[in-house]
């Protein structure tokens, strides 16, 4: 099965790649001086503002994270919204 994964470009997550991703996340958080409490407060405020304009499908499913980029770090917010019925 790993042959097919390699052939089609699928990657299996190994414990080392997961650990590396977690370490990069910790480093990004440390570099921008953002504590988990600050990130959660920002998440709540984002929910409050976005919900003024669109209907959020599941507020518990919102994911706000800091990611390491090539030139700079990025704040990523994944927010599920309901489709409007016309």
PDB file of N, CA and C in Angstrom:
ATOM      1  N   UNK A   1       0.823  -1.194   0.000  1.00  0.00           N
ATOM      2  CA  UNK A   1       0.000   0.000   0.000  1.00  0.00           C
ATOM      3  C   UNK A   1       0.865   1.256   0.000  1.00  0.00           C
ATOM      4  N   UNK A   2       2.029   1.205   0.637  1.00  0.00           N
ATOM      5  CA  UNK A   2       2.895   2.382   0.667  1.00  0.00           C
ATOM      6  C   UNK A   2       3.401   2.720  -0.737  1.00  0.00           C
ATOM      7  N   UNK A   3       3.519   1.698  -1.603  1.00  0.00           N
ATOM      8  CA  UNK A   3       3.906   1.955  -2.986  1.00  0.00           C
ATOM      9  C   UNK A   3       2.879   2.845  -3.669  1.00  0.00           C
ATOM     10  N   UNK A   4       1.581   2.538  -3.485  1.00  0.00           N
ATOM     11  CA  UNK A   4       0.519   3.344  -4.080  1.00  0.00           C
ATOM     12  C   UNK A   4       0.485   4.744  -3.479  1.00  0.00           C
ATOM     13  N   UNK A   5       0.713   4.835  -2.169  1.00  0.00           N
ATOM     14  CA  UNK A   5       0.758   6.153  -1.530  1.00  0.00           C
ATOM     15  C   UNK A   5       1.864   7.003  -2.138  1.00  0.00           C
ATOM     16  N   UNK A   6       3.037   6.407  -2.326  1.00  0.00           N
ATOM     17  CA  UNK A   6       4.153   7.145  -2.926  1.00  0.00           C
ATOM     18  C   UNK A   6       3.872   7.494  -4.379  1.00  0.00           C
ATOM     19  N   UNK A   7       3.236   6.567  -5.111  1.00  0.00           N
ATOM     20  CA  UNK A   7       2.927   6.787  -6.513  1.00  0.00           C
ATOM     21  C   UNK A   7       1.967   7.960  -6.704  1.00  0.00           C
ATOM     22  N   UNK A   8       0.948   8.052  -5.854  1.00  0.00           N
ATOM     23  CA  UNK A   8      -0.045   9.110  -5.972  1.00  0.00           C
ATOM     24  C   UNK A   8       0.271  10.323  -5.113  1.00  0.00           C
ATOM     25  N   UNK A   9       1.423  10.360  -4.479  1.00  0.00           N
ATOM     26  CA  UNK A   9       1.842  11.530  -3.728  1.00  0.00           C
ATOM     27  C   UNK A   9       1.211  11.666  -2.359  1.00  0.00           C
ATOM     28  N   UNK A  10       0.587  10.618  -1.867  1.00  0.00           N
ATOM     29  CA  UNK A  10       0.002  10.674  -0.525  1.00  0.00           C
ATOM     30  C   UNK A  10       1.094  10.425   0.501  1.00  0.00           C
ATOM     31  N   UNK A  11       1.037  11.203   1.566  1.00  0.00           N
ATOM     32  CA  UNK A  11       2.032  11.036   2.626  1.00  0.00           C
ATOM     33  C   UNK A  11       1.341  10.569   3.892  1.00  0.00           C
ATOM     34  N   UNK A  12       1.955   9.606   4.532  1.00  0.00           N
ATOM     35  CA  UNK A  12       1.455   9.185   5.831  1.00  0.00           C
ATOM     36  C   UNK A  12       2.175  10.002   6.884  1.00  0.00           C
ATOM     37  N   UNK A  13       1.417  10.421   7.879  1.00  0.00           N
ATOM     38  CA  UNK A  13       2.021  11.210   8.943  1.00  0.00           C
ATOM     39  C   UNK A  13       2.759  10.279   9.896  1.00  0.00           C
ATOM     40  N   UNK A  14       4.024  10.556  10.083  1.00  0.00           N
ATOM     41  CA  UNK A  14       4.825   9.779  11.026  1.00  0.00           C
ATOM     42  C   UNK A  14       4.905  10.549  12.330  1.00  0.00           C
ATOM     43  N   UNK A  15       5.303   9.856  13.380  1.00  0.00           N
ATOM     44  CA  UNK A  15       5.407  10.523  14.672  1.00  0.00           C
ATOM     45  C   UNK A  15       6.450  11.639  14.622  1.00  0.00           C
ATOM     46  N   UNK A  16       7.497  11.462  13.824  1.00  0.00           N
ATOM     47  CA  UNK A  16       8.513  12.518  13.729  1.00  0.00           C
ATOM     48  C   UNK A  16       7.972  13.752  13.011  1.00  0.00           C
ATOM     49  N   UNK A  17       7.149  13.554  11.973  1.00  0.00           N
ATOM     50  CA  UNK A  17       6.593  14.731  11.284  1.00  0.00           C
ATOM     51  C   UNK A  17       5.571  15.453  12.164  1.00  0.00           C
ATOM     52  N   UNK A  18       4.818  14.702  12.958  1.00  0.00           N
ATOM     53  CA  UNK A  18       3.863  15.313  13.885  1.00  0.00           C
ATOM     54  C   UNK A  18       4.615  16.094  14.960  1.00  0.00           C
ATOM     55  N   UNK A  19       5.691  15.508  15.495  1.00  0.00           N
ATOM     56  CA  UNK A  19       6.490  16.185  16.523  1.00  0.00           C
ATOM     57  C   UNK A  19       7.136  17.450  15.954  1.00  0.00           C
ATOM     58  N   UNK A  20       7.605  17.383  14.717  1.00  0.00           N
ATOM     59  CA  UNK A  20       8.224  18.548  14.080  1.00  0.00           C
ATOM     60  C   UNK A  20       7.198  19.667  13.921  1.00  0.00           C
ATOM     61  N   UNK A  21       5.978  19.323  13.483  1.00  0.00           N
ATOM     62  CA  UNK A  21       4.920  20.325  13.312  1.00  0.00           C
ATOM     63  C   UNK A  21       4.558  20.971  14.646  1.00  0.00           C
ATOM     64  N   UNK A  22       4.488  20.169  15.691  1.00  0.00           N
ATOM     65  CA  UNK A  22       4.175  20.715  17.021  1.00  0.00           C
ATOM     66  C   UNK A  22       5.281  21.643  17.501  1.00  0.00           C
ATOM     67  N   UNK A  23       6.530  21.275  17.270  1.00  0.00           N
ATOM     68  CA  UNK A  23       7.647  22.123  17.670  1.00  0.00           C
ATOM     69  C   UNK A  23       7.627  23.443  16.913  1.00  0.00           C
ATOM     70  N   UNK A  24       7.342  23.400  15.616  1.00  0.00           N
ATOM     71  CA  UNK A  24       7.253  24.636  14.835  1.00  0.00           C
ATOM     72  C   UNK A  24       6.125  25.527  15.344  1.00  0.00           C
ATOM     73  N   UNK A  25       5.014  24.918  15.739  1.00  0.00           N
ATOM     74  CA  UNK A  25       3.896  25.690  16.291  1.00  0.00           C
ATOM     75  C   UNK A  25       4.312  26.379  17.581  1.00  0.00           C
ATOM     76  N   UNK A  26       5.010  25.669  18.445  1.00  0.00           N
ATOM     77  CA  UNK A  26       5.487  26.253  19.701  1.00  0.00           C
ATOM     78  C   UNK A  26       6.453  27.399  19.420  1.00  0.00           C
ATOM     79  N   UNK A  27       7.344  27.211  18.458  1.00  0.00           N
ATOM     80  CA  UNK A  27       8.301  28.262  18.121  1.00  0.00           C
ATOM     81  C   UNK A  27       7.606  29.508  17.571  1.00  0.00           C
ATOM     82  N   UNK A  28       6.595  29.319  16.725  1.00  0.00           N
ATOM     83  CA  UNK A  28       5.857  30.463  16.180  1.00  0.00           C
ATOM     84  C   UNK A  28       5.156  31.213  17.300  1.00  0.00           C
ATOM     85  N   UNK A  29       4.480  30.471  18.188  1.00  0.00           N
ATOM     86  CA  UNK A  29       3.786  31.112  19.305  1.00  0.00           C
ATOM     87  C   UNK A  29       4.766  31.892  20.172  1.00  0.00           C
ATOM     88  N   UNK A  30       5.932  31.320  20.405  1.00  0.00           N
ATOM     89  CA  UNK A  30       6.944  31.990  21.220  1.00  0.00           C
ATOM     90  C   UNK A  30       7.473  33.243  20.524  1.00  0.00           C
ATOM     91  N   UNK A  31       7.669  33.162  19.220  1.00  0.00           N
ATOM     92  CA  UNK A  31       8.248  34.282  18.474  1.00  0.00           C
ATOM     93  C   UNK A  31       7.299  35.478  18.427  1.00  0.00           C
ATOM     94  N   UNK A  32       5.999  35.229  18.325  1.00  0.00           N
ATOM     95  CA  UNK A  32       5.057  36.352  18.268  1.00  0.00           C
ATOM     96  C   UNK A  32       4.527  36.709  19.649  1.00  0.00           C
ATOM     97  N   UNK A  33       5.027  36.034  20.668  1.00  0.00           N
ATOM     98  CA  UNK A  33       4.666  36.328  22.068  1.00  0.00           C
ATOM     99  C   UNK A  33       3.163  36.200  22.315  1.00  0.00           C
ATOM    100  N   UNK A  34       2.570  35.120  21.824  1.00  0.00           N
ATOM    101  CA  UNK A  34       1.144  34.901  22.011  1.00  0.00           C
ATOM    102  C   UNK A  34       0.930  33.662  22.872  1.00  0.00           C
ATOM    103  N   UNK A  35       0.294  33.867  24.001  1.00  0.00           N
ATOM    104  CA  UNK A  35      -0.003  32.757  24.903  1.00  0.00           C
ATOM    105  C   UNK A  35      -1.262  32.039  24.428  1.00  0.00           C
ATOM    106  N   UNK A  36      -1.489  30.820  24.875  1.00  0.00           N
ATOM    107  CA  UNK A  36      -2.739  30.123  24.521  1.00  0.00           C
ATOM    108  C   UNK A  36      -3.982  30.897  24.954  1.00  0.00           C
ATOM    109  N   UNK A  37      -3.892  31.602  26.078  1.00  0.00           N
ATOM    110  CA  UNK A  37      -5.023  32.400  26.551  1.00  0.00           C
ATOM    111  C   UNK A  37      -5.319  33.555  25.585  1.00  0.00           C
ATOM    112  N   UNK A  38      -4.259  34.201  25.082  1.00  0.00           N
ATOM    113  CA  UNK A  38      -4.430  35.290  24.126  1.00  0.00           C
ATOM    114  C   UNK A  38      -5.031  34.766  22.823  1.00  0.00           C
ATOM    115  N   UNK A  39      -4.584  33.597  22.382  1.00  0.00           N
ATOM    116  CA  UNK A  39      -5.108  33.010  21.159  1.00  0.00           C
ATOM    117  C   UNK A  39      -6.589  32.667  21.315  1.00  0.00           C
ATOM    118  N   UNK A  40      -6.977  32.160  22.475  1.00  0.00           N
ATOM    119  CA  UNK A  40      -8.389  31.842  22.741  1.00  0.00           C
ATOM    120  C   UNK A  40      -9.233  33.121  22.797  1.00  0.00           C
ATOM    121  N   UNK A  41      -8.705  34.183  23.402  1.00  0.00           N
ATOM    122  CA  UNK A  41      -9.421  35.457  23.440  1.00  0.00           C
ATOM    123  C   UNK A  41      -9.608  36.006  22.024  1.00  0.00           C
ATOM    124  N   UNK A  42      -8.576  35.882  21.188  1.00  0.00           N
ATOM    125  CA  UNK A  42      -8.667  36.327  19.807  1.00  0.00           C
ATOM    126  C   UNK A  42      -9.717  35.497  19.057  1.00  0.00           C
ATOM    127  N   UNK A  43      -9.765  34.206  19.316  1.00  0.00           N
ATOM    128  CA  UNK A  43     -10.741  33.318  18.688  1.00  0.00           C
ATOM    129  C   UNK A  43     -12.169  33.764  19.034  1.00  0.00           C
ATOM    130  N   UNK A  44     -12.403  34.076  20.314  1.00  0.00           N
ATOM    131  CA  UNK A  44     -13.736  34.524  20.738  1.00  0.00           C
ATOM    132  C   UNK A  44     -14.121  35.838  20.055  1.00  0.00           C
ATOM    133  N   UNK A  45     -13.176  36.760  19.946  1.00  0.00           N
ATOM    134  CA  UNK A  45     -13.451  38.045  19.307  1.00  0.00           C
ATOM    135  C   UNK A  45     -13.704  37.875  17.813  1.00  0.00           C
ATOM    136  N   UNK A  46     -12.965  36.983  17.177  1.00  0.00           N
ATOM    137  CA  UNK A  46     -13.182  36.711  15.756  1.00  0.00           C
ATOM    138  C   UNK A  46     -14.584  36.160  15.550  1.00  0.00           C
ATOM    139  N   UNK A  47     -15.010  35.227  16.403  1.00  0.00           N
ATOM    140  CA  UNK A  47     -16.366  34.670  16.318  1.00  0.00           C
ATOM    141  C   UNK A  47     -17.398  35.783  16.442  1.00  0.00           C
ATOM    142  N   UNK A  48     -17.191  36.681  17.399  1.00  0.00           N
ATOM    143  CA  UNK A  48     -18.133  37.778  17.627  1.00  0.00           C
ATOM    144  C   UNK A  48     -18.251  38.678  16.400  1.00  0.00           C
ATOM    145  N   UNK A  49     -17.134  39.036  15.803  1.00  0.00           N
ATOM    146  CA  UNK A  49     -17.155  39.939  14.648  1.00  0.00           C
ATOM    147  C   UNK A  49     -17.713  39.245  13.415  1.00  0.00           C
ATOM    148  N   UNK A  50     -17.242  38.044  13.110  1.00  0.00           N
ATOM    149  CA  UNK A  50     -17.683  37.331  11.915  1.00  0.00           C
ATOM    150  C   UNK A  50     -19.178  37.034  11.976  1.00  0.00           C
ATOM    151  N   UNK A  51     -19.680  36.713  13.170  1.00  0.00           N
ATOM    152  CA  UNK A  51     -21.101  36.365  13.301  1.00  0.00           C
ATOM    153  C   UNK A  51     -22.026  37.556  13.036  1.00  0.00           C
ATOM    154  N   UNK A  52     -21.491  38.781  13.031  1.00  0.00           N
ATOM    155  CA  UNK A  52     -22.290  39.953  12.669  1.00  0.00           C
ATOM    156  C   UNK A  52     -22.615  39.954  11.179  1.00  0.00           C
ATOM    157  N   UNK A  53     -21.790  39.287  10.377  1.00  0.00           N
ATOM    158  CA  UNK A  53     -21.919  39.343   8.928  1.00  0.00           C
ATOM    159  C   UNK A  53     -22.391  38.039   8.292  1.00  0.00           C
ATOM    160  N   UNK A  54     -22.032  36.903   8.882  1.00  0.00           N
ATOM    161  CA  UNK A  54     -22.436  35.603   8.342  1.00  0.00           C
ATOM    162  C   UNK A  54     -22.872  34.697   9.486  1.00  0.00           C
ATOM    163  N   UNK A  55     -23.639  33.681   9.150  1.00  0.00           N
ATOM    164  CA  UNK A  55     -24.105  32.716  10.132  1.00  0.00           C
ATOM    165  C   UNK A  55     -23.049  31.621  10.274  1.00  0.00           C
ATOM    166  N   UNK A  56     -22.454  31.521  11.451  1.00  0.00           N
ATOM    167  CA  UNK A  56     -21.422  30.519  11.695  1.00  0.00           C
ATOM    168  C   UNK A  56     -22.102  29.181  11.952  1.00  0.00           C
ATOM    169  N   UNK A  57     -21.679  28.154  11.202  1.00  0.00           N
ATOM    170  CA  UNK A  57     -22.317  26.836  11.277  1.00  0.00           C
ATOM    171  C   UNK A  57     -22.090  26.167  12.628  1.00  0.00           C
ATOM    172  N   UNK A  58     -20.854  26.144  13.096  1.00  0.00           N
ATOM    173  CA  UNK A  58     -20.533  25.474  14.351  1.00  0.00           C
ATOM    174  C   UNK A  58     -19.396  26.232  15.032  1.00  0.00           C
ATOM    175  N   UNK A  59     -19.710  27.093  15.998  1.00  0.00           N
ATOM    176  CA  UNK A  59     -18.655  27.878  16.666  1.00  0.00           C
ATOM    177  C   UNK A  59     -17.569  27.019  17.318  1.00  0.00           C
ATOM    178  N   UNK A  60     -17.913  25.804  17.729  1.00  0.00           N
ATOM    179  CA  UNK A  60     -16.908  24.925  18.346  1.00  0.00           C
ATOM    180  C   UNK A  60     -15.926  24.364  17.326  1.00  0.00           C
ATOM    181  N   UNK A  61     -16.282  24.404  16.043  1.00  0.00           N
ATOM    182  CA  UNK A  61     -15.413  23.868  14.995  1.00  0.00           C
ATOM    183  C   UNK A  61     -14.428  24.896  14.451  1.00  0.00           C
ATOM    184  N   UNK A  62     -14.497  26.126  14.935  1.00  0.00           N
ATOM    185  CA  UNK A  62     -13.584  27.171  14.467  1.00  0.00           C
ATOM    186  C   UNK A  62     -12.181  26.879  14.969  1.00  0.00           C
ATOM    187  N   UNK A  63     -11.229  26.957  14.045  1.00  0.00           N
ATOM    188  CA  UNK A  63      -9.830  26.696  14.383  1.00  0.00           C
ATOM    189  C   UNK A  63      -9.010  27.932  14.036  1.00  0.00           C
ATOM    190  N   UNK A  64      -8.385  28.527  15.043  1.00  0.00           N
ATOM    191  CA  UNK A  64      -7.498  29.670  14.844  1.00  0.00           C
ATOM    192  C   UNK A  64      -6.109  29.216  15.249  1.00  0.00           C
ATOM    193  N   UNK A  65      -5.145  29.361  14.333  1.00  0.00           N
ATOM    194  CA  UNK A  65      -3.798  28.893  14.635  1.00  0.00           C
ATOM    195  C   UNK A  65      -2.760  29.810  14.005  1.00  0.00           C
ATOM    196  N   UNK A  66      -1.560  29.738  14.529  1.00  0.00           N
ATOM    197  CA  UNK A  66      -0.414  30.451  13.980  1.00  0.00           C
ATOM    198  C   UNK A  66       0.434  29.441  13.226  1.00  0.00           C
ATOM    199  N   UNK A  67       0.853  29.814  12.012  1.00  0.00           N
ATOM    200  CA  UNK A  67       1.638  28.908  11.189  1.00  0.00           C
ATOM    201  C   UNK A  67       2.920  29.585  10.751  1.00  0.00           C
ATOM    202  N   UNK A  68       3.947  28.796  10.577  1.00  0.00           N
ATOM    203  CA  UNK A  68       5.228  29.312  10.125  1.00  0.00           C
ATOM    204  C   UNK A  68       5.240  29.371   8.601  1.00  0.00           C
ATOM    205  N   UNK A  69       5.598  30.522   8.058  1.00  0.00           N
ATOM    206  CA  UNK A  69       5.701  30.694   6.618  1.00  0.00           C
ATOM    207  C   UNK A  69       7.140  30.910   6.209  1.00  0.00           C
ATOM    208  N   UNK A  70       7.372  31.034   4.924  1.00  0.00           N
ATOM    209  CA  UNK A  70       8.728  31.240   4.406  1.00  0.00           C
ATOM    210  C   UNK A  70       9.286  32.600   4.836  1.00  0.00           C
ATOM    211  N   UNK A  71       8.523  33.652   4.591  1.00  0.00           N
ATOM    212  CA  UNK A  71       8.974  35.013   4.880  1.00  0.00           C
ATOM    213  C   UNK A  71       8.455  35.545   6.203  1.00  0.00           C
ATOM    214  N   UNK A  72       7.248  35.102   6.592  1.00  0.00           N
ATOM    215  CA  UNK A  72       6.649  35.587   7.828  1.00  0.00           C
ATOM    216  C   UNK A  72       5.721  34.509   8.382  1.00  0.00           C
ATOM    217  N   UNK A  73       5.281  34.710   9.594  1.00  0.00           N
ATOM    218  CA  UNK A  73       4.343  33.776  10.199  1.00  0.00           C
ATOM    219  C   UNK A  73       2.922  34.205   9.841  1.00  0.00           C
ATOM    220  N   UNK A  74       1.991  33.251   9.869  1.00  0.00           N
ATOM    221  CA  UNK A  74       0.626  33.519   9.417  1.00  0.00           C
ATOM    222  C   UNK A  74      -0.381  33.129  10.480  1.00  0.00           C
ATOM    223  N   UNK A  75      -1.406  33.926  10.606  1.00  0.00           N
ATOM    224  CA  UNK A  75      -2.543  33.604  11.447  1.00  0.00           C
ATOM    225  C   UNK A  75      -3.592  33.000  10.532  1.00  0.00           C
ATOM    226  N   UNK A  76      -4.024  31.787  10.846  1.00  0.00           N
ATOM    227  CA  UNK A  76      -4.998  31.088  10.007  1.00  0.00           C
ATOM    228  C   UNK A  76      -6.259  30.860  10.820  1.00  0.00           C
ATOM    229  N   UNK A  77      -7.394  31.236  10.250  1.00  0.00           N
ATOM    230  CA  UNK A  77      -8.686  30.998  10.890  1.00  0.00           C
ATOM    231  C   UNK A  77      -9.543  30.178   9.937  1.00  0.00           C
ATOM    232  N   UNK A  78      -9.960  29.013  10.384  1.00  0.00           N
ATOM    233  CA  UNK A  78     -10.826  28.134   9.605  1.00  0.00           C
ATOM    234  C   UNK A  78     -12.209  28.209  10.243  1.00  0.00           C
ATOM    235  N   UNK A  79     -13.158  28.867   9.545  1.00  0.00           N
ATOM    236  CA  UNK A  79     -14.466  29.166  10.117  1.00  0.00           C
ATOM    237  C   UNK A  79     -15.565  28.571   9.232  1.00  0.00           C
ATOM    238  N   UNK A  80     -16.275  27.563   9.720  1.00  0.00           N
ATOM    239  CA  UNK A  80     -17.373  27.003   8.917  1.00  0.00           C
ATOM    240  C   UNK A  80     -18.591  27.930   8.959  1.00  0.00           C
ATOM    241  N   UNK A  81     -19.078  28.329   7.792  1.00  0.00           N
ATOM    242  CA  UNK A  81     -20.254  29.204   7.718  1.00  0.00           C
ATOM    243  C   UNK A  81     -21.380  28.467   6.995  1.00  0.00           C
ATOM    244  N   UNK A  82     -22.595  28.843   7.333  1.00  0.00           N
ATOM    245  CA  UNK A  82     -23.766  28.240   6.681  1.00  0.00           C
ATOM    246  C   UNK A  82     -23.967  28.879   5.304  1.00  0.00           C
ATOM    247  N   UNK A  83     -24.426  28.073   4.389  1.00  0.00           N
ATOM    248  CA  UNK A  83     -24.784  28.600   3.084  1.00  0.00           C
ATOM    249  C   UNK A  83     -26.119  29.297   3.185  1.00  0.00           C
ATOM    250  N   UNK A  84     -26.230  30.427   2.514  1.00  0.00           N
ATOM    251  CA  UNK A  84     -27.516  31.143   2.552  1.00  0.00           C
ATOM    252  C   UNK A  84     -28.454  30.522   1.535  1.00  0.00           C
ATOM    253  N   UNK A  85     -29.715  30.483   1.889  1.00  0.00           N
ATOM    254  CA  UNK A  85     -30.728  29.933   0.983  1.00  0.00           C
ATOM    255  C   UNK A  85     -31.323  31.080   0.193  1.00  0.00           C
ATOM    256  N   UNK A  86     -31.392  30.913  -1.104  1.00  0.00           N
ATOM    257  CA  UNK A  86     -31.938  31.985  -1.939  1.00  0.00           C
ATOM    258  C   UNK A  86     -33.370  31.705  -2.341  1.00  0.00           C
TER     259      UNK A  86
END
